[in-house]
Amino acid sequence: MTDRVYPSTKPKFHTKTTTTAAAAAAATSNRRLPPPPSKTQFHTPTTNRHPHRPNPTPNRHPPRRSRRSCFCLLCFWSILTITLLLLISAVAGCILYLLYHPHRPTFSIAALKIHEFNLSTTSDDATRLTSKLNLTISTKNPNKKITFSYDPFTITCSSHETLIAKGNFPNSIISTPNNISIIHSSLHATSLILETETVNRIRSDLKRKKSGMPLKILLDTEARVKIESLRSKKVGIRIECEGIHSLIPKNGDRSSSISSNSSLFVAATVSAAKCKLDLRIKIWKWTF
């Protein structure tokens, strides 16, 4: 007889659990996850921007001052400083003027004597001048509380802008208030070569017996101003005197020269002479 096989009546819990876990895993793998929520993006509209160009990044560093702004500030402060200095100087000048009423010193030609004036033509056809003049100048200080101090003077005499004699006054002068100072000087020239045009002008002027040749006197020096206990720095000055006319002494004429004897002299006409004082400001190599 054939034996029958009967299934076991005991439940197979392990097999059922395994089957259930496998089914749950399969169901989970087949289920699709929902997509993540999309983030809202805000686009700033830009005009005339290339579509593939990245957005400009903001500058994290603070803006620096440009060279132009620094230069403008420098110019502003410089102009302001100069303006303040000029304003202070103007106020100080007004105060000094109201307190002391300053006036410029005056110069005048007291006398000019020509002792020698020889124009001679040498063998090389060059005209040479030998001259000797005596000059007297007076200077007056019209102020009441201001003193002027002058260094030694350099003096030149010219005619038609051509030098005919030169000299100097070697002493210093202190012109006290309401005082007149006298300057004596001897001017001379030895074998000074003159141009033909200048010689012709001088000879033409000497033929005029009433006026004679025109002369101009220049005095160059440095001066200092003292107001009570205040002293200024030395400033260059130039005194220019014009309106002088003179003839030359006559002691016979020579065929090649116009000559004069040194023992005689001719006094120049100085009644119409006027002297003008100008400041001489020197900056490096230039004098104004």
C-alpha atoms as a PDB file:
ATOM      1  CA  MET A   1       0.000   0.000   0.000  1.00  0.00           C
ATOM      2  CA  THR A   2       1.122   3.419  -0.765  1.00  0.00           C
ATOM      3  CA  ASP A   3       1.622   5.786   2.177  1.00  0.00           C
ATOM      4  CA  ARG A   4      -0.082   9.192   1.960  1.00  0.00           C
ATOM      5  CA  VAL A   5       1.780  12.314   2.908  1.00  0.00           C
ATOM      6  CA  TYR A   6      -0.240  14.794   4.851  1.00  0.00           C
ATOM      7  CA  PRO A   7       0.741  18.373   5.145  1.00  0.00           C
ATOM      8  CA  SER A   8       1.774  19.641   8.501  1.00  0.00           C
ATOM      9  CA  THR A   9      -0.853  21.447  10.421  1.00  0.00           C
ATOM     10  CA  LYS A  10       1.617  23.813  12.068  1.00  0.00           C
ATOM     11  CA  PRO A  11       1.624  27.308  10.528  1.00  0.00           C
ATOM     12  CA  LYS A  12       4.759  28.426   8.786  1.00  0.00           C
ATOM     13  CA  PHE A  13       5.153  31.916  10.291  1.00  0.00           C
ATOM     14  CA  HIS A  14       8.638  32.519   8.882  1.00  0.00           C
ATOM     15  CA  THR A  15       7.641  32.008   5.297  1.00  0.00           C
ATOM     16  CA  LYS A  16       4.646  34.293   5.594  1.00  0.00           C
ATOM     17  CA  THR A  17       6.664  37.063   7.209  1.00  0.00           C
ATOM     18  CA  THR A  18       9.309  36.843   4.542  1.00  0.00           C
ATOM     19  CA  THR A  19       6.725  37.016   1.832  1.00  0.00           C
ATOM     20  CA  THR A  20       5.020  40.017   3.405  1.00  0.00           C
ATOM     21  CA  ALA A  21       8.309  41.948   3.808  1.00  0.00           C
ATOM     22  CA  ALA A  22       9.271  41.260   0.228  1.00  0.00           C
ATOM     23  CA  ALA A  23       5.911  42.471  -1.013  1.00  0.00           C
ATOM     24  CA  ALA A  24       6.155  45.677   1.025  1.00  0.00           C
ATOM     25  CA  ALA A  25       9.681  46.349  -0.296  1.00  0.00           C
ATOM     26  CA  ALA A  26       8.491  45.790  -3.865  1.00  0.00           C
ATOM     27  CA  ALA A  27       5.557  48.136  -3.334  1.00  0.00           C
ATOM     28  CA  THR A  28       7.827  50.819  -1.870  1.00  0.00           C
ATOM     29  CA  SER A  29      10.285  50.601  -4.750  1.00  0.00           C
ATOM     30  CA  ASN A  30       7.500  50.850  -7.305  1.00  0.00           C
ATOM     31  CA  ARG A  31       6.004  53.953  -5.645  1.00  0.00           C
ATOM     32  CA  ARG A  32       7.285  57.304  -7.129  1.00  0.00           C
ATOM     33  CA  LEU A  33       8.341  60.116  -4.806  1.00  0.00           C
ATOM     34  CA  PRO A  34       6.760  63.542  -5.403  1.00  0.00           C
ATOM     35  CA  PRO A  35       9.155  66.170  -6.928  1.00  0.00           C
ATOM     36  CA  PRO A  36      10.618  68.792  -4.573  1.00  0.00           C
ATOM     37  CA  PRO A  37       8.866  72.167  -4.517  1.00  0.00           C
ATOM     38  CA  SER A  38      10.358  74.610  -6.970  1.00  0.00           C
ATOM     39  CA  LYS A  39      11.984  77.757  -5.533  1.00  0.00           C
ATOM     40  CA  THR A  40      10.652  81.062  -6.646  1.00  0.00           C
ATOM     41  CA  GLN A  41      13.375  83.024  -8.462  1.00  0.00           C
ATOM     42  CA  PHE A  42      13.210  86.774  -8.826  1.00  0.00           C
ATOM     43  CA  HIS A  43      14.900  88.153 -11.917  1.00  0.00           C
ATOM     44  CA  THR A  44      15.858  91.758 -12.049  1.00  0.00           C
ATOM     45  CA  PRO A  45      15.169  93.079 -15.495  1.00  0.00           C
ATOM     46  CA  THR A  46      18.233  94.545 -17.153  1.00  0.00           C
ATOM     47  CA  THR A  47      18.153  96.573 -20.273  1.00  0.00           C
ATOM     48  CA  ASN A  48      20.337  95.738 -23.227  1.00  0.00           C
ATOM     49  CA  ARG A  49      22.081  92.865 -21.453  1.00  0.00           C
ATOM     50  CA  HIS A  50      23.391  89.855 -23.270  1.00  0.00           C
ATOM     51  CA  PRO A  51      21.306  86.774 -22.381  1.00  0.00           C
ATOM     52  CA  HIS A  52      24.381  84.619 -21.660  1.00  0.00           C
ATOM     53  CA  ARG A  53      26.242  87.236 -19.662  1.00  0.00           C
ATOM     54  CA  PRO A  54      26.279  86.581 -15.901  1.00  0.00           C
ATOM     55  CA  ASN A  55      24.654  89.001 -13.544  1.00  0.00           C
ATOM     56  CA  PRO A  56      27.031  91.685 -12.222  1.00  0.00           C
ATOM     57  CA  THR A  57      28.279  91.044  -8.741  1.00  0.00           C
ATOM     58  CA  PRO A  58      27.965  93.897  -6.268  1.00  0.00           C
ATOM     59  CA  ASN A  59      31.185  95.644  -5.187  1.00  0.00           C
ATOM     60  CA  ARG A  60      31.907  94.708  -1.628  1.00  0.00           C
ATOM     61  CA  HIS A  61      34.689  97.328  -1.171  1.00  0.00           C
ATOM     62  CA  PRO A  62      33.795 101.023  -0.602  1.00  0.00           C
ATOM     63  CA  PRO A  63      34.589 103.341  -3.572  1.00  0.00           C
ATOM     64  CA  ARG A  64      37.985 105.036  -3.386  1.00  0.00           C
ATOM     65  CA  ARG A  65      38.611 108.700  -4.055  1.00  0.00           C
ATOM     66  CA  SER A  66      39.834 109.329  -7.538  1.00  0.00           C
ATOM     67  CA  ARG A  67      42.941 111.349  -8.342  1.00  0.00           C
ATOM     68  CA  ARG A  68      40.810 114.056  -9.856  1.00  0.00           C
ATOM     69  CA  SER A  69      38.898 114.630  -6.617  1.00  0.00           C
ATOM     70  CA  CYS A  70      42.174 114.801  -4.634  1.00  0.00           C
ATOM     71  CA  PHE A  71      43.574 117.330  -7.103  1.00  0.00           C
ATOM     72  CA  CYS A  72      40.418 119.429  -6.825  1.00  0.00           C
ATOM     73  CA  LEU A  73      40.656 119.421  -3.042  1.00  0.00           C
ATOM     74  CA  LEU A  74      44.317 120.437  -3.206  1.00  0.00           C
ATOM     75  CA  CYS A  75      43.518 123.327  -5.551  1.00  0.00           C
ATOM     76  CA  PHE A  76      40.642 124.443  -3.350  1.00  0.00           C
ATOM     77  CA  TRP A  77      42.716 124.569  -0.159  1.00  0.00           C
ATOM     78  CA  SER A  78      45.628 126.235  -1.940  1.00  0.00           C
ATOM     79  CA  ILE A  79      43.412 128.976  -3.352  1.00  0.00           C
ATOM     80  CA  LEU A  80      41.720 129.420  -0.001  1.00  0.00           C
ATOM     81  CA  THR A  81      45.073 129.741   1.812  1.00  0.00           C
ATOM     82  CA  ILE A  82      46.410 132.275  -0.692  1.00  0.00           C
ATOM     83  CA  THR A  83      43.190 134.273  -0.488  1.00  0.00           C
ATOM     84  CA  LEU A  84      43.364 134.363   3.313  1.00  0.00           C
ATOM     85  CA  LEU A  85      47.005 135.491   3.223  1.00  0.00           C
ATOM     86  CA  LEU A  86      46.184 138.253   0.750  1.00  0.00           C
ATOM     87  CA  LEU A  87      43.238 139.324   2.875  1.00  0.00           C
ATOM     88  CA  ILE A  88      45.375 139.457   6.034  1.00  0.00           C
ATOM     89  CA  SER A  89      48.074 141.428   4.190  1.00  0.00           C
ATOM     90  CA  ALA A  90      45.504 143.887   2.881  1.00  0.00           C
ATOM     91  CA  VAL A  91      44.050 144.419   6.356  1.00  0.00           C
ATOM     92  CA  ALA A  92      47.533 144.918   7.844  1.00  0.00           C
ATOM     93  CA  GLY A  93      48.430 147.372   5.066  1.00  0.00           C
ATOM     94  CA  CYS A  94      45.257 149.364   5.678  1.00  0.00           C
ATOM     95  CA  ILE A  95      46.010 149.551   9.394  1.00  0.00           C
ATOM     96  CA  LEU A  96      49.594 150.719   8.759  1.00  0.00           C
ATOM     97  CA  TYR A  97      48.404 153.309   6.264  1.00  0.00           C
ATOM     98  CA  LEU A  98      45.821 154.700   8.672  1.00  0.00           C
ATOM     99  CA  LEU A  99      48.348 154.872  11.505  1.00  0.00           C
ATOM    100  CA  TYR A 100      51.464 156.196   9.728  1.00  0.00           C
ATOM    101  CA  HIS A 101      50.360 157.546   6.284  1.00  0.00           C
ATOM    102  CA  PRO A 102      53.535 156.301   4.527  1.00  0.00           C
ATOM    103  CA  HIS A 103      54.935 158.065   1.453  1.00  0.00           C
ATOM    104  CA  ARG A 104      57.638 157.099  -0.991  1.00  0.00           C
ATOM    105  CA  PRO A 105      60.988 158.864  -0.767  1.00  0.00           C
ATOM    106  CA  THR A 106      61.642 161.446  -3.475  1.00  0.00           C
ATOM    107  CA  PHE A 107      64.814 161.836  -5.566  1.00  0.00           C
ATOM    108  CA  SER A 108      65.881 164.811  -7.661  1.00  0.00           C
ATOM    109  CA  ILE A 109      68.901 165.834  -9.725  1.00  0.00           C
ATOM    110  CA  ALA A 110      70.615 168.744  -7.976  1.00  0.00           C
ATOM    111  CA  ALA A 111      73.453 169.187 -10.478  1.00  0.00           C
ATOM    112  CA  LEU A 112      75.227 167.440 -13.342  1.00  0.00           C
ATOM    113  CA  LYS A 113      78.537 168.749 -14.665  1.00  0.00           C
ATOM    114  CA  ILE A 114      80.386 167.431 -17.700  1.00  0.00           C
ATOM    115  CA  HIS A 115      84.144 167.882 -17.353  1.00  0.00           C
ATOM    116  CA  GLU A 116      85.286 165.733 -20.258  1.00  0.00           C
ATOM    117  CA  PHE A 117      83.595 164.349 -23.342  1.00  0.00           C
ATOM    118  CA  ASN A 118      85.876 163.169 -26.157  1.00  0.00           C
ATOM    119  CA  LEU A 119      84.703 161.351 -29.268  1.00  0.00           C
ATOM    120  CA  SER A 120      87.754 160.195 -31.214  1.00  0.00           C
ATOM    121  CA  THR A 121      88.063 158.041 -34.290  1.00  0.00           C
ATOM    122  CA  THR A 122      91.023 155.680 -34.277  1.00  0.00           C
ATOM    123  CA  SER A 123      92.924 154.112 -37.163  1.00  0.00           C
ATOM    124  CA  ASP A 124      90.642 151.064 -37.194  1.00  0.00           C
ATOM    125  CA  ASP A 125      87.631 153.350 -37.910  1.00  0.00           C
ATOM    126  CA  ALA A 126      86.193 152.746 -34.450  1.00  0.00           C
ATOM    127  CA  THR A 127      84.757 155.683 -32.507  1.00  0.00           C
ATOM    128  CA  ARG A 128      85.790 155.708 -28.841  1.00  0.00           C
ATOM    129  CA  LEU A 129      84.368 157.807 -26.038  1.00  0.00           C
ATOM    130  CA  THR A 130      86.216 159.146 -23.004  1.00  0.00           C
ATOM    131  CA  SER A 131      84.024 161.026 -20.533  1.00  0.00           C
ATOM    132  CA  LYS A 132      83.968 162.371 -16.992  1.00  0.00           C
ATOM    133  CA  LEU A 133      80.882 163.691 -15.184  1.00  0.00           C
ATOM    134  CA  ASN A 134      80.100 164.880 -11.659  1.00  0.00           C
ATOM    135  CA  LEU A 135      76.617 164.126 -10.363  1.00  0.00           C
ATOM    136  CA  THR A 136      74.772 165.461  -7.314  1.00  0.00           C
ATOM    137  CA  ILE A 137      71.447 163.920  -6.266  1.00  0.00           C
ATOM    138  CA  SER A 138      69.241 164.778  -3.297  1.00  0.00           C
ATOM    139  CA  THR A 139      66.773 162.424  -1.635  1.00  0.00           C
ATOM    140  CA  LYS A 140      64.050 163.449   0.799  1.00  0.00           C
ATOM    141  CA  ASN A 141      62.125 161.389   3.332  1.00  0.00           C
ATOM    142  CA  PRO A 142      58.673 163.011   3.704  1.00  0.00           C
ATOM    143  CA  ASN A 143      57.464 160.656   6.456  1.00  0.00           C
ATOM    144  CA  LYS A 144      57.246 161.465  10.154  1.00  0.00           C
ATOM    145  CA  LYS A 145      57.805 158.027  11.712  1.00  0.00           C
ATOM    146  CA  ILE A 146      59.422 155.998   8.912  1.00  0.00           C
ATOM    147  CA  THR A 147      63.159 155.610   8.243  1.00  0.00           C
ATOM    148  CA  PHE A 148      64.738 154.439   4.976  1.00  0.00           C
ATOM    149  CA  SER A 149      68.106 152.696   4.780  1.00  0.00           C
ATOM    150  CA  TYR A 150      69.955 152.504   1.450  1.00  0.00           C
ATOM    151  CA  ASP A 151      72.848 150.292   0.438  1.00  0.00           C
ATOM    152  CA  PRO A 152      75.622 151.641  -1.863  1.00  0.00           C
ATOM    153  CA  PHE A 153      74.347 152.899  -5.225  1.00  0.00           C
ATOM    154  CA  THR A 154      75.325 151.846  -8.748  1.00  0.00           C
ATOM    155  CA  ILE A 155      74.932 154.802 -11.123  1.00  0.00           C
ATOM    156  CA  THR A 156      74.901 154.887 -14.937  1.00  0.00           C
ATOM    157  CA  CYS A 157      74.455 157.717 -17.425  1.00  0.00           C
ATOM    158  CA  SER A 158      73.184 157.031 -20.935  1.00  0.00           C
ATOM    159  CA  SER A 159      72.130 158.866 -24.078  1.00  0.00           C
ATOM    160  CA  HIS A 160      69.820 157.282 -26.648  1.00  0.00           C
ATOM    161  CA  GLU A 161      69.923 154.059 -24.571  1.00  0.00           C
ATOM    162  CA  THR A 162      73.723 153.943 -24.968  1.00  0.00           C
ATOM    163  CA  LEU A 163      76.026 153.987 -21.958  1.00  0.00           C
ATOM    164  CA  ILE A 164      78.338 157.022 -21.843  1.00  0.00           C
ATOM    165  CA  ALA A 165      79.538 156.929 -18.205  1.00  0.00           C
ATOM    166  CA  LYS A 166      79.156 154.915 -15.030  1.00  0.00           C
ATOM    167  CA  GLY A 167      80.144 155.085 -11.376  1.00  0.00           C
ATOM    168  CA  ASN A 168      78.933 154.361  -7.867  1.00  0.00           C
ATOM    169  CA  PHE A 169      78.292 155.802  -4.438  1.00  0.00           C
ATOM    170  CA  PRO A 170      80.110 153.479  -2.002  1.00  0.00           C
ATOM    171  CA  ASN A 171      78.489 154.619   1.255  1.00  0.00           C
ATOM    172  CA  SER A 172      75.252 153.540   2.864  1.00  0.00           C
ATOM    173  CA  ILE A 173      72.625 156.143   3.659  1.00  0.00           C
ATOM    174  CA  ILE A 174      70.116 156.301   6.503  1.00  0.00           C
ATOM    175  CA  SER A 175      67.344 158.736   5.661  1.00  0.00           C
ATOM    176  CA  THR A 176      65.637 159.756   8.882  1.00  0.00           C
ATOM    177  CA  PRO A 177      62.106 161.260   8.972  1.00  0.00           C
ATOM    178  CA  ASN A 178      61.763 164.709   7.384  1.00  0.00           C
ATOM    179  CA  ASN A 179      65.402 164.703   6.338  1.00  0.00           C
ATOM    180  CA  ILE A 180      67.247 165.446   3.062  1.00  0.00           C
ATOM    181  CA  SER A 181      70.335 163.428   2.082  1.00  0.00           C
ATOM    182  CA  ILE A 182      72.857 164.371  -0.611  1.00  0.00           C
ATOM    183  CA  ILE A 183      74.633 161.921  -2.930  1.00  0.00           C
ATOM    184  CA  HIS A 184      77.828 162.950  -4.760  1.00  0.00           C
ATOM    185  CA  SER A 185      79.336 160.684  -7.389  1.00  0.00           C
ATOM    186  CA  SER A 186      81.882 160.850 -10.218  1.00  0.00           C
ATOM    187  CA  LEU A 187      80.990 159.041 -13.445  1.00  0.00           C
ATOM    188  CA  HIS A 188      83.518 158.234 -16.144  1.00  0.00           C
ATOM    189  CA  ALA A 189      84.205 156.110 -19.222  1.00  0.00           C
ATOM    190  CA  THR A 190      87.527 155.316 -20.895  1.00  0.00           C
ATOM    191  CA  SER A 191      87.872 154.341 -24.559  1.00  0.00           C
ATOM    192  CA  LEU A 192      84.289 153.167 -24.756  1.00  0.00           C
ATOM    193  CA  ILE A 193      83.483 151.981 -28.290  1.00  0.00           C
ATOM    194  CA  LEU A 194      80.268 153.405 -29.716  1.00  0.00           C
ATOM    195  CA  GLU A 195      78.232 152.412 -32.742  1.00  0.00           C
ATOM    196  CA  THR A 196      78.208 154.637 -35.792  1.00  0.00           C
ATOM    197  CA  GLU A 197      74.476 155.317 -35.507  1.00  0.00           C
ATOM    198  CA  THR A 198      74.841 156.430 -31.880  1.00  0.00           C
ATOM    199  CA  VAL A 199      77.780 158.711 -32.747  1.00  0.00           C
ATOM    200  CA  ASN A 200      75.770 160.351 -35.518  1.00  0.00           C
ATOM    201  CA  ARG A 201      72.860 160.977 -33.138  1.00  0.00           C
ATOM    202  CA  ILE A 202      75.105 162.504 -30.484  1.00  0.00           C
ATOM    203  CA  ARG A 203      76.819 164.782 -33.008  1.00  0.00           C
ATOM    204  CA  SER A 204      73.447 165.817 -34.392  1.00  0.00           C
ATOM    205  CA  ASP A 205      72.209 166.644 -30.872  1.00  0.00           C
ATOM    206  CA  LEU A 206      75.331 168.655 -30.038  1.00  0.00           C
ATOM    207  CA  LYS A 207      74.636 170.940 -32.994  1.00  0.00           C
ATOM    208  CA  ARG A 208      71.513 172.122 -31.197  1.00  0.00           C
ATOM    209  CA  LYS A 209      72.957 174.823 -29.000  1.00  0.00           C
ATOM    210  CA  LYS A 210      69.760 175.384 -27.028  1.00  0.00           C
ATOM    211  CA  SER A 211      69.012 171.831 -25.870  1.00  0.00           C
ATOM    212  CA  GLY A 212      72.016 169.597 -26.515  1.00  0.00           C
ATOM    213  CA  MET A 213      72.017 165.829 -26.147  1.00  0.00           C
ATOM    214  CA  PRO A 214      69.443 164.098 -23.895  1.00  0.00           C
ATOM    215  CA  LEU A 215      70.777 162.234 -20.842  1.00  0.00           C
ATOM    216  CA  LYS A 216      69.249 159.640 -18.529  1.00  0.00           C
ATOM    217  CA  ILE A 217      70.505 158.709 -15.043  1.00  0.00           C
ATOM    218  CA  LEU A 218      69.838 155.296 -13.453  1.00  0.00           C
ATOM    219  CA  LEU A 219      70.505 154.464  -9.804  1.00  0.00           C
ATOM    220  CA  ASP A 220      70.234 150.880  -8.537  1.00  0.00           C
ATOM    221  CA  THR A 221      70.380 149.900  -4.872  1.00  0.00           C
ATOM    222  CA  GLU A 222      68.602 147.974  -2.113  1.00  0.00           C
ATOM    223  CA  ALA A 223      66.501 149.672   0.558  1.00  0.00           C
ATOM    224  CA  ARG A 224      65.003 148.735   3.902  1.00  0.00           C
ATOM    225  CA  VAL A 225      62.059 150.345   5.680  1.00  0.00           C
ATOM    226  CA  LYS A 226      61.907 150.803   9.461  1.00  0.00           C
ATOM    227  CA  ILE A 227      58.680 151.718  11.258  1.00  0.00           C
ATOM    228  CA  GLU A 228      59.471 152.252  14.939  1.00  0.00           C
ATOM    229  CA  SER A 229      60.630 148.760  16.028  1.00  0.00           C
ATOM    230  CA  LEU A 230      59.546 146.948  12.845  1.00  0.00           C
ATOM    231  CA  ARG A 231      62.047 146.323  10.036  1.00  0.00           C
ATOM    232  CA  SER A 232      61.357 145.042   6.577  1.00  0.00           C
ATOM    233  CA  LYS A 233      63.634 142.927   4.422  1.00  0.00           C
ATOM    234  CA  LYS A 234      65.832 144.510   1.789  1.00  0.00           C
ATOM    235  CA  VAL A 235      64.083 145.260  -1.479  1.00  0.00           C
ATOM    236  CA  GLY A 236      65.764 146.275  -4.719  1.00  0.00           C
ATOM    237  CA  ILE A 237      64.823 149.689  -6.087  1.00  0.00           C
ATOM    238  CA  ARG A 238      65.680 151.628  -9.248  1.00  0.00           C
ATOM    239  CA  ILE A 239      65.574 155.421  -9.595  1.00  0.00           C
ATOM    240  CA  GLU A 240      65.231 156.604 -13.195  1.00  0.00           C
ATOM    241  CA  CYS A 241      65.781 160.290 -13.931  1.00  0.00           C
ATOM    242  CA  GLU A 242      64.953 161.756 -17.367  1.00  0.00           C
ATOM    243  CA  GLY A 243      64.484 165.206 -18.852  1.00  0.00           C
ATOM    244  CA  ILE A 244      68.192 166.152 -18.640  1.00  0.00           C
ATOM    245  CA  HIS A 245      69.900 167.940 -21.552  1.00  0.00           C
ATOM    246  CA  SER A 246      73.473 169.116 -21.862  1.00  0.00           C
ATOM    247  CA  LEU A 247      76.133 170.405 -24.212  1.00  0.00           C
ATOM    248  CA  ILE A 248      79.858 169.684 -23.882  1.00  0.00           C
ATOM    249  CA  PRO A 249      82.713 172.078 -23.082  1.00  0.00           C
ATOM    250  CA  LYS A 250      84.362 173.643 -26.100  1.00  0.00           C
ATOM    251  CA  ASN A 251      88.111 173.908 -26.390  1.00  0.00           C
ATOM    252  CA  GLY A 252      88.622 173.908 -30.132  1.00  0.00           C
ATOM    253  CA  ASP A 253      87.539 171.346 -32.656  1.00  0.00           C
ATOM    254  CA  ARG A 254      89.664 168.633 -34.160  1.00  0.00           C
ATOM    255  CA  SER A 255      89.120 167.056 -37.521  1.00  0.00           C
ATOM    256  CA  SER A 256      88.667 163.597 -36.068  1.00  0.00           C
ATOM    257  CA  SER A 257      87.197 164.302 -32.657  1.00  0.00           C
ATOM    258  CA  ILE A 258      84.919 166.428 -30.534  1.00  0.00           C
ATOM    259  CA  SER A 259      86.964 167.254 -27.463  1.00  0.00           C
ATOM    260  CA  SER A 260      86.850 169.214 -24.223  1.00  0.00           C
ATOM    261  CA  ASN A 261      89.414 170.222 -21.642  1.00  0.00           C
ATOM    262  CA  SER A 262      89.058 168.665 -18.230  1.00  0.00           C
ATOM    263  CA  SER A 263      89.741 172.013 -16.518  1.00  0.00           C
ATOM    264  CA  LEU A 264      86.442 173.355 -17.875  1.00  0.00           C
ATOM    265  CA  PHE A 265      82.945 172.007 -17.408  1.00  0.00           C
ATOM    266  CA  VAL A 266      79.435 172.509 -18.667  1.00  0.00           C
ATOM    267  CA  ALA A 267      76.436 172.326 -16.345  1.00  0.00           C
ATOM    268  CA  ALA A 268      73.556 170.299 -17.704  1.00  0.00           C
ATOM    269  CA  THR A 269      70.014 171.603 -17.704  1.00  0.00           C
ATOM    270  CA  VAL A 270      68.182 169.760 -14.930  1.00  0.00           C
ATOM    271  CA  SER A 271      65.214 172.045 -14.312  1.00  0.00           C
ATOM    272  CA  ALA A 272      62.860 169.733 -16.220  1.00  0.00           C
ATOM    273  CA  ALA A 273      64.359 166.525 -14.808  1.00  0.00           C
ATOM    274  CA  LYS A 274      61.977 164.097 -13.125  1.00  0.00           C
ATOM    275  CA  CYS A 275      62.941 160.992 -11.141  1.00  0.00           C
ATOM    276  CA  LYS A 276      60.774 157.906 -10.784  1.00  0.00           C
ATOM    277  CA  LEU A 277      61.250 155.161  -8.180  1.00  0.00           C
ATOM    278  CA  ASP A 278      60.371 151.561  -9.023  1.00  0.00           C
ATOM    279  CA  LEU A 279      60.696 148.321  -7.100  1.00  0.00           C
ATOM    280  CA  ARG A 280      63.059 145.684  -8.453  1.00  0.00           C
ATOM    281  CA  ILE A 281      61.761 142.212  -7.506  1.00  0.00           C
ATOM    282  CA  LYS A 282      64.196 139.381  -8.164  1.00  0.00           C
ATOM    283  CA  ILE A 283      62.913 135.822  -8.614  1.00  0.00           C
ATOM    284  CA  TRP A 284      65.757 133.356  -9.086  1.00  0.00           C
ATOM    285  CA  LYS A 285      67.585 134.708 -12.167  1.00  0.00           C
ATOM    286  CA  TRP A 286      64.971 137.174 -13.353  1.00  0.00           C
ATOM    287  CA  THR A 287      64.511 140.733 -12.090  1.00  0.00           C
ATOM    288  CA  PHE A 288      61.207 142.554 -12.573  1.00  0.00           C
END
